[in-house]
Amino acid sequence: MNTRVVNLENALGPVRNGIKAQELAVAGTVVSPAALHSAVKYCWVSVKTKAVLVTFDDTDPATATQAGVLLAVGYEKEWSRRTVECAKFVEAASGQAGVVRFEPMSE
């Protein structure tokens, strides 16, 4: 599959191509990304500050049992819209909140 990054330098302030990037603060409470713009088919996902746990099967990632997938700081990958919509995040270590950024892409 070939994709083209629409807004490689997307900032949260200015709108690029009509769509803003989204940053999700991930702490001790399970959170999910906000609804994506209807034109978004893929997102470039990156973990910015601290490691986070994520699940995609409608279960809550539990820090005590290390359930879910650990995404380390510096993780970057393209996710489909459906993957983003299914994701649930929580901090990987108690008291160490992280930030996950979702940058819209198109085919």
PDB file of N, CA and C in Angstrom:
ATOM      1  N   MET A   1       0.834  -1.163   0.000  1.00  0.00           N
ATOM      2  CA  MET A   1       0.000   0.000   0.000  1.00  0.00           C
ATOM      3  C   MET A   1       0.886   1.235   0.000  1.00  0.00           C
ATOM      4  N   ASN A   2       0.571   2.166  -0.845  1.00  0.00           N
ATOM      5  CA  ASN A   2       1.270   3.438  -0.873  1.00  0.00           C
ATOM      6  C   ASN A   2       0.417   4.479  -0.181  1.00  0.00           C
ATOM      7  N   THR A   3       1.051   5.279   0.661  1.00  0.00           N
ATOM      8  CA  THR A   3       0.336   6.368   1.307  1.00  0.00           C
ATOM      9  C   THR A   3       1.130   7.648   1.160  1.00  0.00           C
ATOM     10  N   ARG A   4       0.451   8.730   1.338  1.00  0.00           N
ATOM     11  CA  ARG A   4       1.085  10.032   1.229  1.00  0.00           C
ATOM     12  C   ARG A   4       0.763  10.789   2.508  1.00  0.00           C
ATOM     13  N   VAL A   5       1.784  11.310   3.191  1.00  0.00           N
ATOM     14  CA  VAL A   5       1.561  12.099   4.391  1.00  0.00           C
ATOM     15  C   VAL A   5       1.046  13.461   3.959  1.00  0.00           C
ATOM     16  N   VAL A   6      -0.114  13.804   4.449  1.00  0.00           N
ATOM     17  CA  VAL A   6      -0.754  15.046   4.042  1.00  0.00           C
ATOM     18  C   VAL A   6      -0.175  16.236   4.781  1.00  0.00           C
ATOM     19  N   ASN A   7       0.057  16.094   6.049  1.00  0.00           N
ATOM     20  CA  ASN A   7       0.500  17.217   6.857  1.00  0.00           C
ATOM     21  C   ASN A   7       1.632  16.798   7.776  1.00  0.00           C
ATOM     22  N   LEU A   8       2.782  16.580   7.219  1.00  0.00           N
ATOM     23  CA  LEU A   8       3.926  16.099   7.969  1.00  0.00           C
ATOM     24  C   LEU A   8       4.307  17.046   9.094  1.00  0.00           C
ATOM     25  N   GLU A   9       4.093  18.338   8.897  1.00  0.00           N
ATOM     26  CA  GLU A   9       4.450  19.325   9.907  1.00  0.00           C
ATOM     27  C   GLU A   9       3.213  19.839  10.632  1.00  0.00           C
ATOM     28  N   ASN A  10       2.200  19.024  10.735  1.00  0.00           N
ATOM     29  CA  ASN A  10       0.935  19.446  11.336  1.00  0.00           C
ATOM     30  C   ASN A  10       1.131  19.866  12.786  1.00  0.00           C
ATOM     31  N   ALA A  11       0.672  21.039  13.113  1.00  0.00           N
ATOM     32  CA  ALA A  11       0.697  21.535  14.482  1.00  0.00           C
ATOM     33  C   ALA A  11      -0.726  21.511  15.021  1.00  0.00           C
ATOM     34  N   LEU A  12      -0.854  21.497  16.330  1.00  0.00           N
ATOM     35  CA  LEU A  12      -2.185  21.445  16.912  1.00  0.00           C
ATOM     36  C   LEU A  12      -2.912  22.773  16.762  1.00  0.00           C
ATOM     37  N   GLY A  13      -2.195  23.868  16.658  1.00  0.00           N
ATOM     38  CA  GLY A  13      -2.829  25.175  16.526  1.00  0.00           C
ATOM     39  C   GLY A  13      -3.422  25.372  15.147  1.00  0.00           C
ATOM     40  N   PRO A  14      -2.583  25.606  14.125  1.00  0.00           N
ATOM     41  CA  PRO A  14      -3.124  25.860  12.792  1.00  0.00           C
ATOM     42  C   PRO A  14      -3.740  24.601  12.174  1.00  0.00           C
ATOM     43  N   VAL A  15      -4.759  24.812  11.376  1.00  0.00           N
ATOM     44  CA  VAL A  15      -5.398  23.707  10.665  1.00  0.00           C
ATOM     45  C   VAL A  15      -4.700  23.545   9.321  1.00  0.00           C
ATOM     46  N   ARG A  16      -4.321  22.331   8.992  1.00  0.00           N
ATOM     47  CA  ARG A  16      -3.703  22.032   7.702  1.00  0.00           C
ATOM     48  C   ARG A  16      -4.616  21.109   6.939  1.00  0.00           C
ATOM     49  N   ASN A  17      -4.914  21.440   5.705  1.00  0.00           N
ATOM     50  CA  ASN A  17      -5.801  20.626   4.873  1.00  0.00           C
ATOM     51  C   ASN A  17      -7.152  20.397   5.537  1.00  0.00           C
ATOM     52  N   GLY A  18      -7.551  21.316   6.390  1.00  0.00           N
ATOM     53  CA  GLY A  18      -8.850  21.217   7.046  1.00  0.00           C
ATOM     54  C   GLY A  18      -8.900  20.250   8.210  1.00  0.00           C
ATOM     55  N   ILE A  19      -7.785  19.620   8.559  1.00  0.00           N
ATOM     56  CA  ILE A  19      -7.785  18.609   9.614  1.00  0.00           C
ATOM     57  C   ILE A  19      -6.639  18.899  10.583  1.00  0.00           C
ATOM     58  N   LYS A  20      -6.929  18.844  11.871  1.00  0.00           N
ATOM     59  CA  LYS A  20      -5.908  19.051  12.889  1.00  0.00           C
ATOM     60  C   LYS A  20      -5.391  17.712  13.401  1.00  0.00           C
ATOM     61  N   ALA A  21      -4.127  17.703  13.823  1.00  0.00           N
ATOM     62  CA  ALA A  21      -3.588  16.544  14.539  1.00  0.00           C
ATOM     63  C   ALA A  21      -4.267  16.498  15.905  1.00  0.00           C
ATOM     64  N   GLN A  22      -4.171  15.373  16.559  1.00  0.00           N
ATOM     65  CA  GLN A  22      -4.792  15.189  17.866  1.00  0.00           C
ATOM     66  C   GLN A  22      -3.749  14.641  18.822  1.00  0.00           C
ATOM     67  N   GLU A  23      -3.660  15.195  20.016  1.00  0.00           N
ATOM     68  CA  GLU A  23      -2.790  14.651  21.048  1.00  0.00           C
ATOM     69  C   GLU A  23      -3.658  14.155  22.188  1.00  0.00           C
ATOM     70  N   LEU A  24      -3.323  12.969  22.664  1.00  0.00           N
ATOM     71  CA  LEU A  24      -4.100  12.324  23.716  1.00  0.00           C
ATOM     72  C   LEU A  24      -3.225  12.222  24.960  1.00  0.00           C
ATOM     73  N   ALA A  25      -3.656  12.837  26.057  1.00  0.00           N
ATOM     74  CA  ALA A  25      -2.948  12.715  27.332  1.00  0.00           C
ATOM     75  C   ALA A  25      -3.349  11.385  27.960  1.00  0.00           C
ATOM     76  N   VAL A  26      -2.354  10.553  28.243  1.00  0.00           N
ATOM     77  CA  VAL A  26      -2.611   9.212  28.763  1.00  0.00           C
ATOM     78  C   VAL A  26      -2.081   9.128  30.188  1.00  0.00           C
ATOM     79  N   ALA A  27      -2.974   8.948  31.158  1.00  0.00           N
ATOM     80  CA  ALA A  27      -2.578   8.850  32.564  1.00  0.00           C
ATOM     81  C   ALA A  27      -3.108   7.536  33.147  1.00  0.00           C
ATOM     82  N   GLY A  28      -3.480   7.542  34.421  1.00  0.00           N
ATOM     83  CA  GLY A  28      -3.913   6.322  35.100  1.00  0.00           C
ATOM     84  C   GLY A  28      -5.324   5.875  34.789  1.00  0.00           C
ATOM     85  N   THR A  29      -6.087   6.700  34.098  1.00  0.00           N
ATOM     86  CA  THR A  29      -7.450   6.354  33.697  1.00  0.00           C
ATOM     87  C   THR A  29      -7.455   5.985  32.216  1.00  0.00           C
ATOM     88  N   VAL A  30      -8.167   4.944  31.866  1.00  0.00           N
ATOM     89  CA  VAL A  30      -8.231   4.495  30.468  1.00  0.00           C
ATOM     90  C   VAL A  30      -8.875   5.577  29.609  1.00  0.00           C
ATOM     91  N   VAL A  31      -8.230   5.894  28.477  1.00  0.00           N
ATOM     92  CA  VAL A  31      -8.741   6.900  27.547  1.00  0.00           C
ATOM     93  C   VAL A  31      -8.690   6.373  26.120  1.00  0.00           C
ATOM     94  N   SER A  32      -9.518   6.959  25.275  1.00  0.00           N
ATOM     95  CA  SER A  32      -9.545   6.641  23.846  1.00  0.00           C
ATOM     96  C   SER A  32      -9.423   7.941  23.066  1.00  0.00           C
ATOM     97  N   PRO A  33      -8.912   7.879  21.830  1.00  0.00           N
ATOM     98  CA  PRO A  33      -8.834   9.094  21.019  1.00  0.00           C
ATOM     99  C   PRO A  33     -10.224   9.632  20.703  1.00  0.00           C
ATOM    100  N   ALA A  34     -10.293  10.941  20.480  1.00  0.00           N
ATOM    101  CA  ALA A  34     -11.550  11.566  20.060  1.00  0.00           C
ATOM    102  C   ALA A  34     -11.877  11.090  18.652  1.00  0.00           C
ATOM    103  N   ALA A  35     -13.115  11.269  18.259  1.00  0.00           N
ATOM    104  CA  ALA A  35     -13.541  10.868  16.914  1.00  0.00           C
ATOM    105  C   ALA A  35     -12.680  11.551  15.854  1.00  0.00           C
ATOM    106  N   LEU A  36     -12.304  10.803  14.847  1.00  0.00           N
ATOM    107  CA  LEU A  36     -11.480  11.335  13.767  1.00  0.00           C
ATOM    108  C   LEU A  36     -12.345  12.071  12.748  1.00  0.00           C
ATOM    109  N   HIS A  37     -11.756  13.010  12.065  1.00  0.00           N
ATOM    110  CA  HIS A  37     -12.421  13.713  10.968  1.00  0.00           C
ATOM    111  C   HIS A  37     -12.854  12.668   9.943  1.00  0.00           C
ATOM    112  N   SER A  38     -13.996  12.864   9.314  1.00  0.00           N
ATOM    113  CA  SER A  38     -14.546  11.867   8.393  1.00  0.00           C
ATOM    114  C   SER A  38     -13.639  11.573   7.194  1.00  0.00           C
ATOM    115  N   ALA A  39     -12.749  12.499   6.833  1.00  0.00           N
ATOM    116  CA  ALA A  39     -11.866  12.293   5.685  1.00  0.00           C
ATOM    117  C   ALA A  39     -10.621  11.466   6.023  1.00  0.00           C
ATOM    118  N   VAL A  40     -10.373  11.228   7.294  1.00  0.00           N
ATOM    119  CA  VAL A  40      -9.162  10.517   7.711  1.00  0.00           C
ATOM    120  C   VAL A  40      -9.328   9.015   7.506  1.00  0.00           C
ATOM    121  N   LYS A  41      -8.390   8.420   6.769  1.00  0.00           N
ATOM    122  CA  LYS A  41      -8.394   6.969   6.559  1.00  0.00           C
ATOM    123  C   LYS A  41      -7.271   6.289   7.331  1.00  0.00           C
ATOM    124  N   TYR A  42      -6.180   7.017   7.555  1.00  0.00           N
ATOM    125  CA  TYR A  42      -5.022   6.506   8.275  1.00  0.00           C
ATOM    126  C   TYR A  42      -4.474   7.604   9.165  1.00  0.00           C
ATOM    127  N   CYS A  43      -3.756   7.210  10.220  1.00  0.00           N
ATOM    128  CA  CYS A  43      -3.084   8.170  11.093  1.00  0.00           C
ATOM    129  C   CYS A  43      -1.649   7.722  11.311  1.00  0.00           C
ATOM    130  N   TRP A  44      -0.770   8.707  11.425  1.00  0.00           N
ATOM    131  CA  TRP A  44       0.599   8.445  11.856  1.00  0.00           C
ATOM    132  C   TRP A  44       0.572   8.604  13.364  1.00  0.00           C
ATOM    133  N   VAL A  45       0.816   7.515  14.089  1.00  0.00           N
ATOM    134  CA  VAL A  45       0.709   7.498  15.544  1.00  0.00           C
ATOM    135  C   VAL A  45       2.113   7.536  16.135  1.00  0.00           C
ATOM    136  N   SER A  46       2.321   8.410  17.106  1.00  0.00           N
ATOM    137  CA  SER A  46       3.630   8.485  17.763  1.00  0.00           C
ATOM    138  C   SER A  46       3.448   8.699  19.258  1.00  0.00           C
ATOM    139  N   VAL A  47       4.324   8.044  20.036  1.00  0.00           N
ATOM    140  CA  VAL A  47       4.321   8.178  21.496  1.00  0.00           C
ATOM    141  C   VAL A  47       5.392   9.200  21.846  1.00  0.00           C
ATOM    142  N   LYS A  48       5.001  10.286  22.523  1.00  0.00           N
ATOM    143  CA  LYS A  48       5.882  11.429  22.715  1.00  0.00           C
ATOM    144  C   LYS A  48       6.654  11.490  24.029  1.00  0.00           C
ATOM    145  N   THR A  49       6.045  11.204  25.183  1.00  0.00           N
ATOM    146  CA  THR A  49       6.727  11.500  26.446  1.00  0.00           C
ATOM    147  C   THR A  49       7.041  10.280  27.310  1.00  0.00           C
ATOM    148  N   LYS A  50       6.079   9.452  27.594  1.00  0.00           N
ATOM    149  CA  LYS A  50       6.268   8.248  28.423  1.00  0.00           C
ATOM    150  C   LYS A  50       5.605   7.063  27.746  1.00  0.00           C
ATOM    151  N   ALA A  51       6.066   5.875  28.073  1.00  0.00           N
ATOM    152  CA  ALA A  51       5.490   4.649  27.508  1.00  0.00           C
ATOM    153  C   ALA A  51       4.023   4.512  27.917  1.00  0.00           C
ATOM    154  N   VAL A  52       3.236   3.891  27.035  1.00  0.00           N
ATOM    155  CA  VAL A  52       1.810   3.668  27.295  1.00  0.00           C
ATOM    156  C   VAL A  52       1.448   2.228  26.959  1.00  0.00           C
ATOM    157  N   LEU A  53       0.348   1.769  27.531  1.00  0.00           N
ATOM    158  CA  LEU A  53      -0.211   0.460  27.189  1.00  0.00           C
ATOM    159  C   LEU A  53      -1.446   0.689  26.342  1.00  0.00           C
ATOM    160  N   VAL A  54      -1.672  -0.188  25.366  1.00  0.00           N
ATOM    161  CA  VAL A  54      -2.835  -0.053  24.491  1.00  0.00           C
ATOM    162  C   VAL A  54      -3.455  -1.425  24.231  1.00  0.00           C
ATOM    163  N   THR A  55      -4.781  -1.453  24.130  1.00  0.00           N
ATOM    164  CA  THR A  55      -5.501  -2.651  23.700  1.00  0.00           C
ATOM    165  C   THR A  55      -6.414  -2.264  22.552  1.00  0.00           C
ATOM    166  N   PHE A  56      -6.810  -3.273  21.768  1.00  0.00           N
ATOM    167  CA  PHE A  56      -7.658  -3.032  20.597  1.00  0.00           C
ATOM    168  C   PHE A  56      -8.906  -3.902  20.604  1.00  0.00           C
ATOM    169  N   ASP A  57      -9.145  -4.644  21.677  1.00  0.00           N
ATOM    170  CA  ASP A  57     -10.236  -5.623  21.711  1.00  0.00           C
ATOM    171  C   ASP A  57     -11.354  -5.251  22.685  1.00  0.00           C
ATOM    172  N   ASP A  58     -11.499  -3.967  22.980  1.00  0.00           N
ATOM    173  CA  ASP A  58     -12.524  -3.460  23.870  1.00  0.00           C
ATOM    174  C   ASP A  58     -12.303  -3.827  25.332  1.00  0.00           C
ATOM    175  N   THR A  59     -11.099  -4.313  25.670  1.00  0.00           N
ATOM    176  CA  THR A  59     -10.760  -4.527  27.074  1.00  0.00           C
ATOM    177  C   THR A  59      -9.912  -3.358  27.537  1.00  0.00           C
ATOM    178  N   ASP A  60      -9.922  -3.110  28.848  1.00  0.00           N
ATOM    179  CA  ASP A  60      -9.115  -2.022  29.389  1.00  0.00           C
ATOM    180  C   ASP A  60      -7.692  -2.511  29.653  1.00  0.00           C
ATOM    181  N   PRO A  61      -6.694  -1.762  29.167  1.00  0.00           N
ATOM    182  CA  PRO A  61      -5.318  -2.146  29.470  1.00  0.00           C
ATOM    183  C   PRO A  61      -5.065  -1.931  30.961  1.00  0.00           C
ATOM    184  N   ALA A  62      -4.544  -2.947  31.633  1.00  0.00           N
ATOM    185  CA  ALA A  62      -4.329  -2.874  33.083  1.00  0.00           C
ATOM    186  C   ALA A  62      -2.841  -2.749  33.387  1.00  0.00           C
ATOM    187  N   THR A  63      -2.463  -1.722  34.089  1.00  0.00           N
ATOM    188  CA  THR A  63      -1.047  -1.515  34.396  1.00  0.00           C
ATOM    189  C   THR A  63      -0.517  -2.571  35.364  1.00  0.00           C
ATOM    190  N   ALA A  64      -1.364  -3.064  36.256  1.00  0.00           N
ATOM    191  CA  ALA A  64      -0.900  -4.025  37.257  1.00  0.00           C
ATOM    192  C   ALA A  64      -0.494  -5.356  36.623  1.00  0.00           C
ATOM    193  N   THR A  65      -1.218  -5.805  35.624  1.00  0.00           N
ATOM    194  CA  THR A  65      -0.929  -7.110  35.024  1.00  0.00           C
ATOM    195  C   THR A  65      -0.178  -6.994  33.698  1.00  0.00           C
ATOM    196  N   GLN A  66       0.118  -5.771  33.278  1.00  0.00           N
ATOM    197  CA  GLN A  66       0.782  -5.521  31.996  1.00  0.00           C
ATOM    198  C   GLN A  66      -0.008  -6.106  30.828  1.00  0.00           C
ATOM    199  N   ALA A  67      -1.334  -6.095  30.947  1.00  0.00           N
ATOM    200  CA  ALA A  67      -2.167  -6.506  29.826  1.00  0.00           C
ATOM    201  C   ALA A  67      -2.075  -5.443  28.745  1.00  0.00           C
ATOM    202  N   GLY A  68      -2.240  -5.812  27.530  1.00  0.00           N
ATOM    203  CA  GLY A  68      -2.145  -4.852  26.443  1.00  0.00           C
ATOM    204  C   GLY A  68      -0.757  -4.836  25.844  1.00  0.00           C
ATOM    205  N   VAL A  69      -0.572  -3.970  24.875  1.00  0.00           N
ATOM    206  CA  VAL A  69       0.694  -3.850  24.150  1.00  0.00           C
ATOM    207  C   VAL A  69       1.421  -2.615  24.660  1.00  0.00           C
ATOM    208  N   LEU A  70       2.689  -2.770  24.979  1.00  0.00           N
ATOM    209  CA  LEU A  70       3.501  -1.654  25.454  1.00  0.00           C
ATOM    210  C   LEU A  70       4.048  -0.887  24.262  1.00  0.00           C
ATOM    211  N   LEU A  71       3.763   0.417  24.208  1.00  0.00           N
ATOM    212  CA  LEU A  71       4.323   1.291  23.179  1.00  0.00           C
ATOM    213  C   LEU A  71       5.311   2.213  23.868  1.00  0.00           C
ATOM    214  N   ALA A  72       6.581   2.099  23.515  1.00  0.00           N
ATOM    215  CA  ALA A  72       7.638   2.880  24.151  1.00  0.00           C
ATOM    216  C   ALA A  72       7.717   4.284  23.553  1.00  0.00           C
ATOM    217  N   VAL A  73       8.373   5.179  24.268  1.00  0.00           N
ATOM    218  CA  VAL A  73       8.615   6.524  23.753  1.00  0.00           C
ATOM    219  C   VAL A  73       9.382   6.394  22.445  1.00  0.00           C
ATOM    220  N   GLY A  74       8.982   7.145  21.454  1.00  0.00           N
ATOM    221  CA  GLY A  74       9.617   7.071  20.143  1.00  0.00           C
ATOM    222  C   GLY A  74       8.909   6.141  19.174  1.00  0.00           C
ATOM    223  N   TYR A  75       7.919   5.386  19.671  1.00  0.00           N
ATOM    224  CA  TYR A  75       7.138   4.511  18.783  1.00  0.00           C
ATOM    225  C   TYR A  75       6.463   5.376  17.729  1.00  0.00           C
ATOM    226  N   GLU A  76       6.579   4.967  16.482  1.00  0.00           N
ATOM    227  CA  GLU A  76       5.907   5.653  15.381  1.00  0.00           C
ATOM    228  C   GLU A  76       5.467   4.617  14.367  1.00  0.00           C
ATOM    229  N   LYS A  77       4.213   4.709  13.951  1.00  0.00           N
ATOM    230  CA  LYS A  77       3.710   3.757  12.971  1.00  0.00           C
ATOM    231  C   LYS A  77       2.406   4.265  12.380  1.00  0.00           C
ATOM    232  N   GLU A  78       2.100   3.806  11.187  1.00  0.00           N
ATOM    233  CA  GLU A  78       0.836   4.130  10.540  1.00  0.00           C
ATOM    234  C   GLU A  78      -0.237   3.166  11.035  1.00  0.00           C
ATOM    235  N   TRP A  79      -1.365   3.717  11.461  1.00  0.00           N
ATOM    236  CA  TRP A  79      -2.508   2.919  11.891  1.00  0.00           C
ATOM    237  C   TRP A  79      -3.693   3.253  11.001  1.00  0.00           C
ATOM    238  N   SER A  80      -4.529   2.258  10.752  1.00  0.00           N
ATOM    239  CA  SER A  80      -5.764   2.508  10.010  1.00  0.00           C
ATOM    240  C   SER A  80      -6.764   3.228  10.921  1.00  0.00           C
ATOM    241  N   ARG A  81      -7.751   3.821  10.310  1.00  0.00           N
ATOM    242  CA  ARG A  81      -8.811   4.494  11.058  1.00  0.00           C
ATOM    243  C   ARG A  81      -9.446   3.541  12.065  1.00  0.00           C
ATOM    244  N   ARG A  82      -9.734   2.322  11.644  1.00  0.00           N
ATOM    245  CA  ARG A  82     -10.374   1.322  12.516  1.00  0.00           C
ATOM    246  C   ARG A  82      -9.499   0.996  13.721  1.00  0.00           C
ATOM    247  N   THR A  83      -8.197   0.886  13.519  1.00  0.00           N
ATOM    248  CA  THR A  83      -7.278   0.604  14.628  1.00  0.00           C
ATOM    249  C   THR A  83      -7.321   1.733  15.649  1.00  0.00           C
ATOM    250  N   VAL A  84      -7.295   2.966  15.175  1.00  0.00           N
ATOM    251  CA  VAL A  84      -7.366   4.126  16.070  1.00  0.00           C
ATOM    252  C   VAL A  84      -8.693   4.121  16.832  1.00  0.00           C
ATOM    253  N   GLU A  85      -9.778   3.835  16.146  1.00  0.00           N
ATOM    254  CA  GLU A  85     -11.099   3.833  16.776  1.00  0.00           C
ATOM    255  C   GLU A  85     -11.239   2.761  17.854  1.00  0.00           C
ATOM    256  N   CYS A  86     -10.522   1.661  17.729  1.00  0.00           N
ATOM    257  CA  CYS A  86     -10.606   0.559  18.695  1.00  0.00           C
ATOM    258  C   CYS A  86      -9.636   0.718  19.874  1.00  0.00           C
ATOM    259  N   ALA A  87      -8.665   1.592  19.756  1.00  0.00           N
ATOM    260  CA  ALA A  87      -7.586   1.700  20.748  1.00  0.00           C
ATOM    261  C   ALA A  87      -8.059   2.291  22.076  1.00  0.00           C
ATOM    262  N   LYS A  88      -7.573   1.691  23.168  1.00  0.00           N
ATOM    263  CA  LYS A  88      -7.757   2.210  24.527  1.00  0.00           C
ATOM    264  C   LYS A  88      -6.376   2.280  25.161  1.00  0.00           C
ATOM    265  N   PHE A  89      -6.076   3.416  25.793  1.00  0.00           N
ATOM    266  CA  PHE A  89      -4.735   3.651  26.335  1.00  0.00           C
ATOM    267  C   PHE A  89      -4.769   3.872  27.842  1.00  0.00           C
ATOM    268  N   VAL A  90      -3.651   3.530  28.497  1.00  0.00           N
ATOM    269  CA  VAL A  90      -3.420   3.847  29.908  1.00  0.00           C
ATOM    270  C   VAL A  90      -1.910   3.957  30.094  1.00  0.00           C
ATOM    271  N   GLU A  91      -1.482   4.682  31.130  1.00  0.00           N
ATOM    272  CA  GLU A  91      -0.036   4.816  31.380  1.00  0.00           C
ATOM    273  C   GLU A  91       0.578   3.450  31.668  1.00  0.00           C
ATOM    274  N   ALA A  92       1.840   3.281  31.280  1.00  0.00           N
ATOM    275  CA  ALA A  92       2.518   1.995  31.471  1.00  0.00           C
ATOM    276  C   ALA A  92       3.063   1.851  32.884  1.00  0.00           C
ATOM    277  N   ALA A  93       3.444   2.945  33.519  1.00  0.00           N
ATOM    278  CA  ALA A  93       3.959   2.917  34.888  1.00  0.00           C
ATOM    279  C   ALA A  93       3.174   3.932  35.712  1.00  0.00           C
ATOM    280  N   SER A  94       2.838   3.572  36.923  1.00  0.00           N
ATOM    281  CA  SER A  94       2.037   4.441  37.776  1.00  0.00           C
ATOM    282  C   SER A  94       2.698   5.804  37.955  1.00  0.00           C
ATOM    283  N   GLY A  95       1.921   6.848  37.738  1.00  0.00           N
ATOM    284  CA  GLY A  95       2.422   8.207  37.922  1.00  0.00           C
ATOM    285  C   GLY A  95       3.252   8.735  36.773  1.00  0.00           C
ATOM    286  N   GLN A  96       3.293   8.018  35.655  1.00  0.00           N
ATOM    287  CA  GLN A  96       4.086   8.459  34.506  1.00  0.00           C
ATOM    288  C   GLN A  96       3.173   8.613  33.285  1.00  0.00           C
ATOM    289  N   ALA A  97       2.498   9.742  33.225  1.00  0.00           N
ATOM    290  CA  ALA A  97       1.567  10.009  32.131  1.00  0.00           C
ATOM    291  C   ALA A  97       2.318  10.214  30.822  1.00  0.00           C
ATOM    292  N   GLY A  98       1.702   9.803  29.743  1.00  0.00           N
ATOM    293  CA  GLY A  98       2.308   9.935  28.420  1.00  0.00           C
ATOM    294  C   GLY A  98       1.425  10.735  27.484  1.00  0.00           C
ATOM    295  N   VAL A  99       1.954  11.013  26.311  1.00  0.00           N
ATOM    296  CA  VAL A  99       1.215  11.717  25.267  1.00  0.00           C
ATOM    297  C   VAL A  99       1.335  10.909  23.984  1.00  0.00           C
ATOM    298  N   VAL A 100       0.193  10.648  23.349  1.00  0.00           N
ATOM    299  CA  VAL A 100       0.168   9.954  22.064  1.00  0.00           C
ATOM    300  C   VAL A 100      -0.392  10.940  21.043  1.00  0.00           C
ATOM    301  N   ARG A 101       0.299  11.060  19.908  1.00  0.00           N
ATOM    302  CA  ARG A 101      -0.112  12.014  18.846  1.00  0.00           C
ATOM    303  C   ARG A 101      -0.627  11.239  17.654  1.00  0.00           C
ATOM    304  N   PHE A 102      -1.733  11.714  17.075  1.00  0.00           N
ATOM    305  CA  PHE A 102      -2.353  11.124  15.896  1.00  0.00           C
ATOM    306  C   PHE A 102      -2.353  12.170  14.790  1.00  0.00           C
ATOM    307  N   GLU A 103      -1.594  11.927  13.729  1.00  0.00           N
ATOM    308  CA  GLU A 103      -1.537  12.866  12.606  1.00  0.00           C
ATOM    309  C   GLU A 103      -2.269  12.265  11.418  1.00  0.00           C
ATOM    310  N   PRO A 104      -3.282  12.943  10.890  1.00  0.00           N
ATOM    311  CA  PRO A 104      -4.083  12.409   9.787  1.00  0.00           C
ATOM    312  C   PRO A 104      -3.254  12.209   8.520  1.00  0.00           C
ATOM    313  N   MET A 105      -3.566  11.149   7.791  1.00  0.00           N
ATOM    314  CA  MET A 105      -2.918  10.853   6.519  1.00  0.00           C
ATOM    315  C   MET A 105      -4.010  10.522   5.500  1.00  0.00           C
ATOM    316  N   SER A 106      -3.649  10.492   4.225  1.00  0.00           N
ATOM    317  CA  SER A 106      -4.578  10.052   3.209  1.00  0.00           C
ATOM    318  C   SER A 106      -3.854   9.090   2.276  1.00  0.00           C
ATOM    319  N   GLU A 107      -4.616   8.373   1.460  1.00  0.00           N
ATOM    320  CA  GLU A 107      -4.015   7.408   0.540  1.00  0.00           C
ATOM    321  C   GLU A 107      -3.329   8.124  -0.597  1.00  0.00           C
TER     322      GLU A 107
END
